Amino acid sequence: MKAISIHPGPVMEILEGKKTEEYRSWTTHYRGPLLICSTAIKTPGCISGHAVCVVDLVDVKKLADDSYAWLFEQVRCIKPFPIKGQRRLYHVPDERIIEPLADEFIIEEDERVVTEKFWQEYYLALVN
């Protein structure tokens, strides 16, 4: 799967569904699932150095010269795993990406929502 590294603060906002756009100085023709990885920068209240979720990159809008808005939809939790980030888009083997099991999520408004136990065990345990 294609992946991108982003600073920990914005990654937490993406994970919580609060941030649906990422601003970059470059564009991509890629559209589809995108693994969101948090850089190793230690940030209080955030997860650092881990792949944390998958989003759908649905569009890239040019805002100005060297300014693009990457539009995300459908945030999906995964079991976070340590990863060394890279610049630009990079490949992470699909077998490293593990989605929650059937008893680790519930369906709310046609969306998978992880249980509180999953959130505590896999996400809050990693917060700096």
N, C-alpha and C. Protein backbone atom coordinates (compact mmCIF):
# COMPACT_ATOMS: atom_id res chain seq x y z
N MET A 1 0.84 -1.17 0.00
CA MET A 1 0.00 0.00 0.00
C MET A 1 0.89 1.24 0.00
N LYS A 2 0.43 2.27 -0.65
CA LYS A 2 1.13 3.56 -0.63
C LYS A 2 1.00 4.15 0.77
N ALA A 3 2.05 4.85 1.20
CA ALA A 3 2.08 5.45 2.53
C ALA A 3 2.66 6.85 2.45
N ILE A 4 2.33 7.65 3.47
CA ILE A 4 2.88 8.99 3.59
C ILE A 4 3.16 9.25 5.07
N SER A 5 4.25 9.95 5.35
CA SER A 5 4.59 10.32 6.71
C SER A 5 4.18 11.77 6.95
N ILE A 6 3.55 11.98 8.11
CA ILE A 6 3.03 13.28 8.49
C ILE A 6 3.41 13.51 9.96
N HIS A 7 3.59 14.75 10.36
CA HIS A 7 3.91 15.06 11.75
C HIS A 7 2.83 14.52 12.69
N PRO A 8 3.21 14.14 13.92
CA PRO A 8 2.29 13.48 14.85
C PRO A 8 1.01 14.24 15.17
N GLY A 9 1.07 15.55 15.35
CA GLY A 9 -0.14 16.32 15.68
C GLY A 9 -1.23 16.18 14.62
N PRO A 10 -0.91 16.50 13.37
CA PRO A 10 -1.92 16.32 12.31
C PRO A 10 -2.35 14.86 12.14
N VAL A 11 -1.47 13.91 12.39
CA VAL A 11 -1.86 12.50 12.28
C VAL A 11 -2.96 12.18 13.28
N MET A 12 -2.84 12.69 14.50
CA MET A 12 -3.87 12.44 15.51
C MET A 12 -5.20 13.05 15.07
N GLU A 13 -5.15 14.22 14.43
CA GLU A 13 -6.38 14.85 13.94
C GLU A 13 -7.00 14.04 12.81
N ILE A 14 -6.17 13.46 11.94
CA ILE A 14 -6.67 12.59 10.87
C ILE A 14 -7.32 11.35 11.49
N LEU A 15 -6.63 10.73 12.43
CA LEU A 15 -7.12 9.53 13.10
C LEU A 15 -8.47 9.77 13.77
N GLU A 16 -8.65 10.95 14.35
CA GLU A 16 -9.90 11.29 15.03
C GLU A 16 -10.96 11.81 14.07
N GLY A 17 -10.65 11.92 12.78
CA GLY A 17 -11.62 12.38 11.79
C GLY A 17 -11.79 13.89 11.74
N LYS A 18 -10.93 14.63 12.42
CA LYS A 18 -11.03 16.09 12.46
C LYS A 18 -10.32 16.77 11.29
N LYS A 19 -9.36 16.08 10.70
CA LYS A 19 -8.57 16.67 9.60
C LYS A 19 -8.81 15.83 8.35
N THR A 20 -9.33 16.45 7.31
CA THR A 20 -9.64 15.73 6.07
C THR A 20 -8.81 16.23 4.88
N GLU A 21 -7.92 17.19 5.14
CA GLU A 21 -7.04 17.70 4.09
C GLU A 21 -5.61 17.76 4.61
N GLU A 22 -4.67 17.46 3.75
CA GLU A 22 -3.25 17.58 4.07
C GLU A 22 -2.64 18.45 2.98
N TYR A 23 -1.86 19.43 3.38
CA TYR A 23 -1.28 20.37 2.43
C TYR A 23 0.17 20.00 2.13
N ARG A 24 0.47 19.94 0.85
CA ARG A 24 1.80 19.56 0.38
C ARG A 24 2.25 20.54 -0.69
N SER A 25 3.57 20.58 -0.92
CA SER A 25 4.12 21.44 -1.98
C SER A 25 4.24 20.67 -3.28
N TRP A 26 3.72 19.44 -3.31
CA TRP A 26 3.80 18.60 -4.50
C TRP A 26 2.49 17.83 -4.66
N THR A 27 2.28 17.36 -5.86
CA THR A 27 1.05 16.64 -6.17
C THR A 27 1.35 15.18 -6.45
N THR A 28 0.30 14.42 -6.64
CA THR A 28 0.43 13.02 -7.04
C THR A 28 -0.77 12.66 -7.90
N HIS A 29 -0.57 11.72 -8.79
CA HIS A 29 -1.68 11.22 -9.59
C HIS A 29 -2.37 10.05 -8.89
N TYR A 30 -1.74 9.56 -7.81
CA TYR A 30 -2.30 8.41 -7.09
C TYR A 30 -3.61 8.78 -6.41
N ARG A 31 -4.57 7.88 -6.50
CA ARG A 31 -5.83 7.97 -5.76
C ARG A 31 -6.11 6.58 -5.21
N GLY A 32 -6.62 6.50 -4.00
CA GLY A 32 -6.93 5.22 -3.40
C GLY A 32 -6.49 5.14 -1.96
N PRO A 33 -6.41 3.92 -1.42
CA PRO A 33 -6.02 3.76 -0.02
C PRO A 33 -4.63 4.31 0.24
N LEU A 34 -4.48 4.98 1.37
CA LEU A 34 -3.21 5.60 1.73
C LEU A 34 -2.97 5.36 3.22
N LEU A 35 -1.84 4.75 3.53
CA LEU A 35 -1.46 4.48 4.91
C LEU A 35 -0.89 5.76 5.51
N ILE A 36 -1.44 6.19 6.64
CA ILE A 36 -0.98 7.40 7.31
C ILE A 36 0.01 6.99 8.41
N CYS A 37 1.23 7.51 8.30
CA CYS A 37 2.29 7.19 9.24
C CYS A 37 2.73 8.45 9.96
N SER A 38 2.97 8.31 11.24
CA SER A 38 3.40 9.43 12.06
C SER A 38 4.93 9.47 12.10
N THR A 39 5.50 10.65 11.90
CA THR A 39 6.95 10.76 11.96
C THR A 39 7.43 10.47 13.38
N ALA A 40 8.74 10.29 13.54
CA ALA A 40 9.32 9.92 14.83
C ALA A 40 9.47 11.10 15.79
N ILE A 41 9.05 12.27 15.39
CA ILE A 41 9.16 13.46 16.25
C ILE A 41 8.29 13.25 17.49
N LYS A 42 8.91 13.27 18.67
CA LYS A 42 8.17 13.09 19.92
C LYS A 42 7.32 14.33 20.18
N THR A 43 6.01 14.11 20.26
CA THR A 43 5.07 15.20 20.47
C THR A 43 4.12 14.80 21.59
N PRO A 44 4.03 15.60 22.66
CA PRO A 44 3.14 15.24 23.77
C PRO A 44 1.70 15.04 23.29
N GLY A 45 1.07 13.97 23.78
CA GLY A 45 -0.32 13.68 23.43
C GLY A 45 -0.50 13.03 22.08
N CYS A 46 0.60 12.65 21.44
CA CYS A 46 0.52 12.08 20.09
C CYS A 46 1.26 10.75 20.00
N ILE A 47 1.01 10.03 18.93
CA ILE A 47 1.72 8.79 18.62
C ILE A 47 2.82 9.14 17.63
N SER A 48 4.03 8.68 17.92
CA SER A 48 5.18 8.97 17.04
C SER A 48 5.77 7.69 16.49
N GLY A 49 6.25 7.75 15.24
CA GLY A 49 6.99 6.64 14.65
C GLY A 49 6.19 5.39 14.35
N HIS A 50 4.88 5.54 14.11
CA HIS A 50 4.02 4.39 13.83
C HIS A 50 3.10 4.66 12.65
N ALA A 51 2.74 3.59 11.95
CA ALA A 51 1.63 3.65 10.99
C ALA A 51 0.37 3.55 11.84
N VAL A 52 -0.61 4.45 11.61
CA VAL A 52 -1.75 4.49 12.53
C VAL A 52 -3.13 4.28 11.90
N CYS A 53 -3.28 4.58 10.61
CA CYS A 53 -4.60 4.41 10.00
C CYS A 53 -4.48 4.41 8.48
N VAL A 54 -5.59 4.08 7.84
CA VAL A 54 -5.69 4.12 6.38
C VAL A 54 -6.80 5.09 6.03
N VAL A 55 -6.57 5.92 5.03
CA VAL A 55 -7.60 6.82 4.50
C VAL A 55 -7.71 6.57 3.00
N ASP A 56 -8.74 7.09 2.41
CA ASP A 56 -8.84 7.09 0.96
C ASP A 56 -8.43 8.48 0.48
N LEU A 57 -7.39 8.54 -0.35
CA LEU A 57 -7.01 9.79 -0.99
C LEU A 57 -7.92 9.92 -2.21
N VAL A 58 -8.86 10.85 -2.15
CA VAL A 58 -9.88 10.95 -3.19
C VAL A 58 -9.60 12.03 -4.23
N ASP A 59 -8.77 13.02 -3.86
CA ASP A 59 -8.49 14.08 -4.83
C ASP A 59 -7.31 14.91 -4.34
N VAL A 60 -6.69 15.61 -5.25
CA VAL A 60 -5.64 16.58 -4.94
C VAL A 60 -6.00 17.85 -5.70
N LYS A 61 -6.18 18.92 -4.97
CA LYS A 61 -6.56 20.21 -5.57
C LYS A 61 -5.36 21.16 -5.54
N LYS A 62 -5.11 21.79 -6.69
CA LYS A 62 -4.05 22.80 -6.75
C LYS A 62 -4.58 24.09 -6.14
N LEU A 63 -3.86 24.62 -5.17
CA LEU A 63 -4.28 25.85 -4.51
C LEU A 63 -3.53 27.05 -5.07
N ALA A 64 -2.24 26.88 -5.36
CA ALA A 64 -1.37 27.92 -5.90
C ALA A 64 -0.12 27.21 -6.41
N ASP A 65 0.82 27.97 -6.93
CA ASP A 65 2.08 27.35 -7.33
C ASP A 65 2.69 26.64 -6.12
N ASP A 66 3.04 25.40 -6.29
CA ASP A 66 3.65 24.60 -5.22
C ASP A 66 2.81 24.51 -3.96
N SER A 67 1.49 24.47 -4.10
CA SER A 67 0.61 24.31 -2.95
C SER A 67 -0.60 23.46 -3.36
N TYR A 68 -0.75 22.31 -2.69
CA TYR A 68 -1.80 21.36 -3.04
C TYR A 68 -2.51 20.87 -1.79
N ALA A 69 -3.81 20.68 -1.90
CA ALA A 69 -4.61 20.11 -0.82
C ALA A 69 -4.94 18.67 -1.19
N TRP A 70 -4.50 17.75 -0.37
CA TRP A 70 -4.81 16.33 -0.55
C TRP A 70 -6.07 16.05 0.26
N LEU A 71 -7.11 15.54 -0.38
CA LEU A 71 -8.40 15.34 0.26
C LEU A 71 -8.58 13.88 0.68
N PHE A 72 -8.84 13.68 1.98
CA PHE A 72 -9.00 12.35 2.55
C PHE A 72 -10.45 12.08 2.90
N GLU A 73 -10.85 10.81 2.75
CA GLU A 73 -12.15 10.33 3.21
C GLU A 73 -11.95 8.97 3.86
N GLN A 74 -12.95 8.52 4.59
CA GLN A 74 -13.02 7.18 5.16
C GLN A 74 -11.77 6.76 5.94
N VAL A 75 -11.61 7.33 7.11
CA VAL A 75 -10.52 6.93 7.99
C VAL A 75 -10.82 5.55 8.54
N ARG A 76 -9.83 4.65 8.46
CA ARG A 76 -10.00 3.29 8.98
C ARG A 76 -8.86 2.98 9.93
N CYS A 77 -9.22 2.59 11.14
CA CYS A 77 -8.21 2.23 12.13
C CYS A 77 -7.54 0.91 11.74
N ILE A 78 -6.29 0.81 12.13
CA ILE A 78 -5.53 -0.43 11.98
C ILE A 78 -4.84 -0.69 13.31
N LYS A 79 -4.20 -1.84 13.42
CA LYS A 79 -3.36 -2.08 14.58
C LYS A 79 -2.03 -1.37 14.28
N PRO A 80 -1.73 -0.30 15.02
CA PRO A 80 -0.53 0.48 14.72
C PRO A 80 0.74 -0.38 14.80
N PHE A 81 1.71 -0.02 13.98
CA PHE A 81 2.99 -0.72 14.01
C PHE A 81 4.12 0.28 13.76
N PRO A 82 5.29 0.01 14.37
CA PRO A 82 6.42 0.92 14.19
C PRO A 82 6.85 0.96 12.73
N ILE A 83 7.23 2.14 12.28
CA ILE A 83 7.67 2.29 10.90
C ILE A 83 8.66 3.44 10.81
N LYS A 84 9.63 3.28 9.95
CA LYS A 84 10.58 4.37 9.68
C LYS A 84 10.03 5.13 8.47
N GLY A 85 9.70 6.37 8.69
CA GLY A 85 9.12 7.18 7.64
C GLY A 85 10.09 7.50 6.52
N GLN A 86 9.53 7.94 5.41
CA GLN A 86 10.32 8.34 4.25
C GLN A 86 9.70 9.60 3.67
N ARG A 87 10.42 10.21 2.77
CA ARG A 87 9.88 11.38 2.07
C ARG A 87 9.00 10.93 0.91
N ARG A 88 8.05 11.79 0.55
CA ARG A 88 7.13 11.53 -0.56
C ARG A 88 6.28 10.31 -0.27
N LEU A 89 5.67 9.74 -1.30
CA LEU A 89 4.91 8.50 -1.13
C LEU A 89 5.88 7.33 -1.17
N TYR A 90 5.60 6.32 -0.39
CA TYR A 90 6.44 5.12 -0.38
C TYR A 90 5.57 3.90 -0.18
N HIS A 91 6.14 2.73 -0.40
CA HIS A 91 5.39 1.48 -0.34
C HIS A 91 5.61 0.77 1.00
N VAL A 92 4.51 0.28 1.57
CA VAL A 92 4.55 -0.57 2.76
C VAL A 92 3.83 -1.86 2.39
N PRO A 93 4.45 -3.02 2.65
CA PRO A 93 3.80 -4.29 2.30
C PRO A 93 2.43 -4.44 2.98
N ASP A 94 1.46 -4.87 2.21
CA ASP A 94 0.09 -5.01 2.71
C ASP A 94 0.00 -5.91 3.93
N GLU A 95 0.85 -6.92 4.02
CA GLU A 95 0.75 -7.87 5.14
C GLU A 95 1.09 -7.22 6.49
N ARG A 96 1.69 -6.04 6.48
CA ARG A 96 1.97 -5.33 7.74
C ARG A 96 0.74 -4.62 8.27
N ILE A 97 -0.26 -4.41 7.41
CA ILE A 97 -1.44 -3.64 7.78
C ILE A 97 -2.53 -4.61 8.26
N ILE A 98 -2.85 -4.52 9.55
CA ILE A 98 -3.82 -5.43 10.15
C ILE A 98 -5.01 -4.64 10.64
N GLU A 99 -6.18 -4.96 10.08
CA GLU A 99 -7.41 -4.28 10.47
C GLU A 99 -7.97 -4.91 11.74
N PRO A 100 -8.80 -4.17 12.47
CA PRO A 100 -9.42 -4.74 13.67
C PRO A 100 -10.25 -5.98 13.34
N LEU A 101 -10.26 -6.92 14.26
CA LEU A 101 -11.07 -8.13 14.11
C LEU A 101 -12.53 -7.81 14.38
N ALA A 102 -13.42 -8.73 14.05
CA ALA A 102 -14.87 -8.51 14.17
C ALA A 102 -15.30 -8.10 15.58
N ASP A 103 -14.66 -8.63 16.61
CA ASP A 103 -15.05 -8.26 17.98
C ASP A 103 -14.35 -6.99 18.47
N GLU A 104 -13.56 -6.34 17.61
CA GLU A 104 -12.83 -5.14 18.00
C GLU A 104 -13.44 -3.86 17.42
N PHE A 105 -14.57 -3.99 16.75
CA PHE A 105 -15.25 -2.80 16.23
C PHE A 105 -16.76 -3.02 16.25
N ILE A 106 -17.49 -1.92 16.14
CA ILE A 106 -18.94 -1.96 16.01
C ILE A 106 -19.30 -1.14 14.78
N ILE A 107 -20.51 -1.32 14.29
CA ILE A 107 -20.98 -0.54 13.13
C ILE A 107 -21.89 0.57 13.64
N GLU A 108 -21.51 1.81 13.33
CA GLU A 108 -22.33 2.98 13.66
C GLU A 108 -22.52 3.80 12.40
N GLU A 109 -23.76 4.01 12.02
CA GLU A 109 -24.08 4.79 10.82
C GLU A 109 -23.31 4.29 9.61
N ASP A 110 -23.32 2.97 9.41
CA ASP A 110 -22.67 2.29 8.29
C ASP A 110 -21.15 2.42 8.27
N GLU A 111 -20.55 2.78 9.40
CA GLU A 111 -19.09 2.88 9.49
C GLU A 111 -18.59 2.00 10.63
N ARG A 112 -17.39 1.44 10.41
CA ARG A 112 -16.73 0.67 11.47
C ARG A 112 -16.15 1.64 12.49
N VAL A 113 -16.45 1.42 13.74
CA VAL A 113 -15.90 2.22 14.83
C VAL A 113 -15.25 1.25 15.81
N VAL A 114 -13.97 1.46 16.10
CA VAL A 114 -13.29 0.54 17.01
C VAL A 114 -13.85 0.68 18.42
N THR A 115 -13.77 -0.41 19.16
CA THR A 115 -14.25 -0.40 20.54
C THR A 115 -13.32 0.41 21.43
N GLU A 116 -13.83 0.79 22.58
CA GLU A 116 -13.02 1.52 23.56
C GLU A 116 -11.81 0.68 23.97
N LYS A 117 -12.00 -0.61 24.11
CA LYS A 117 -10.90 -1.51 24.49
C LYS A 117 -9.80 -1.48 23.42
N PHE A 118 -10.19 -1.54 22.13
CA PHE A 118 -9.22 -1.46 21.03
C PHE A 118 -8.47 -0.14 21.09
N TRP A 119 -9.23 0.95 21.24
CA TRP A 119 -8.63 2.29 21.28
C TRP A 119 -7.60 2.37 22.41
N GLN A 120 -7.97 1.90 23.60
CA GLN A 120 -7.07 1.93 24.75
C GLN A 120 -5.83 1.08 24.51
N GLU A 121 -6.04 -0.14 24.03
CA GLU A 121 -4.95 -1.10 23.88
C GLU A 121 -3.97 -0.72 22.77
N TYR A 122 -4.49 -0.28 21.64
CA TYR A 122 -3.63 -0.06 20.48
C TYR A 122 -3.22 1.39 20.24
N TYR A 123 -4.04 2.35 20.65
CA TYR A 123 -3.70 3.74 20.39
C TYR A 123 -3.22 4.48 21.63
N LEU A 124 -4.03 4.50 22.67
CA LEU A 124 -3.64 5.27 23.86
C LEU A 124 -2.36 4.74 24.49
N ALA A 125 -2.11 3.46 24.34
CA ALA A 125 -0.88 2.88 24.88
C ALA A 125 0.38 3.44 24.20
N LEU A 126 0.23 4.01 23.02
CA LEU A 126 1.37 4.54 22.26
C LEU A 126 1.55 6.05 22.38
N VAL A 127 0.60 6.72 23.01
CA VAL A 127 0.66 8.19 23.10
C VAL A 127 1.82 8.61 23.99
N ASN A 128 2.59 9.59 23.50
CA ASN A 128 3.75 10.12 24.27
C ASN A 128 3.28 10.94 25.46
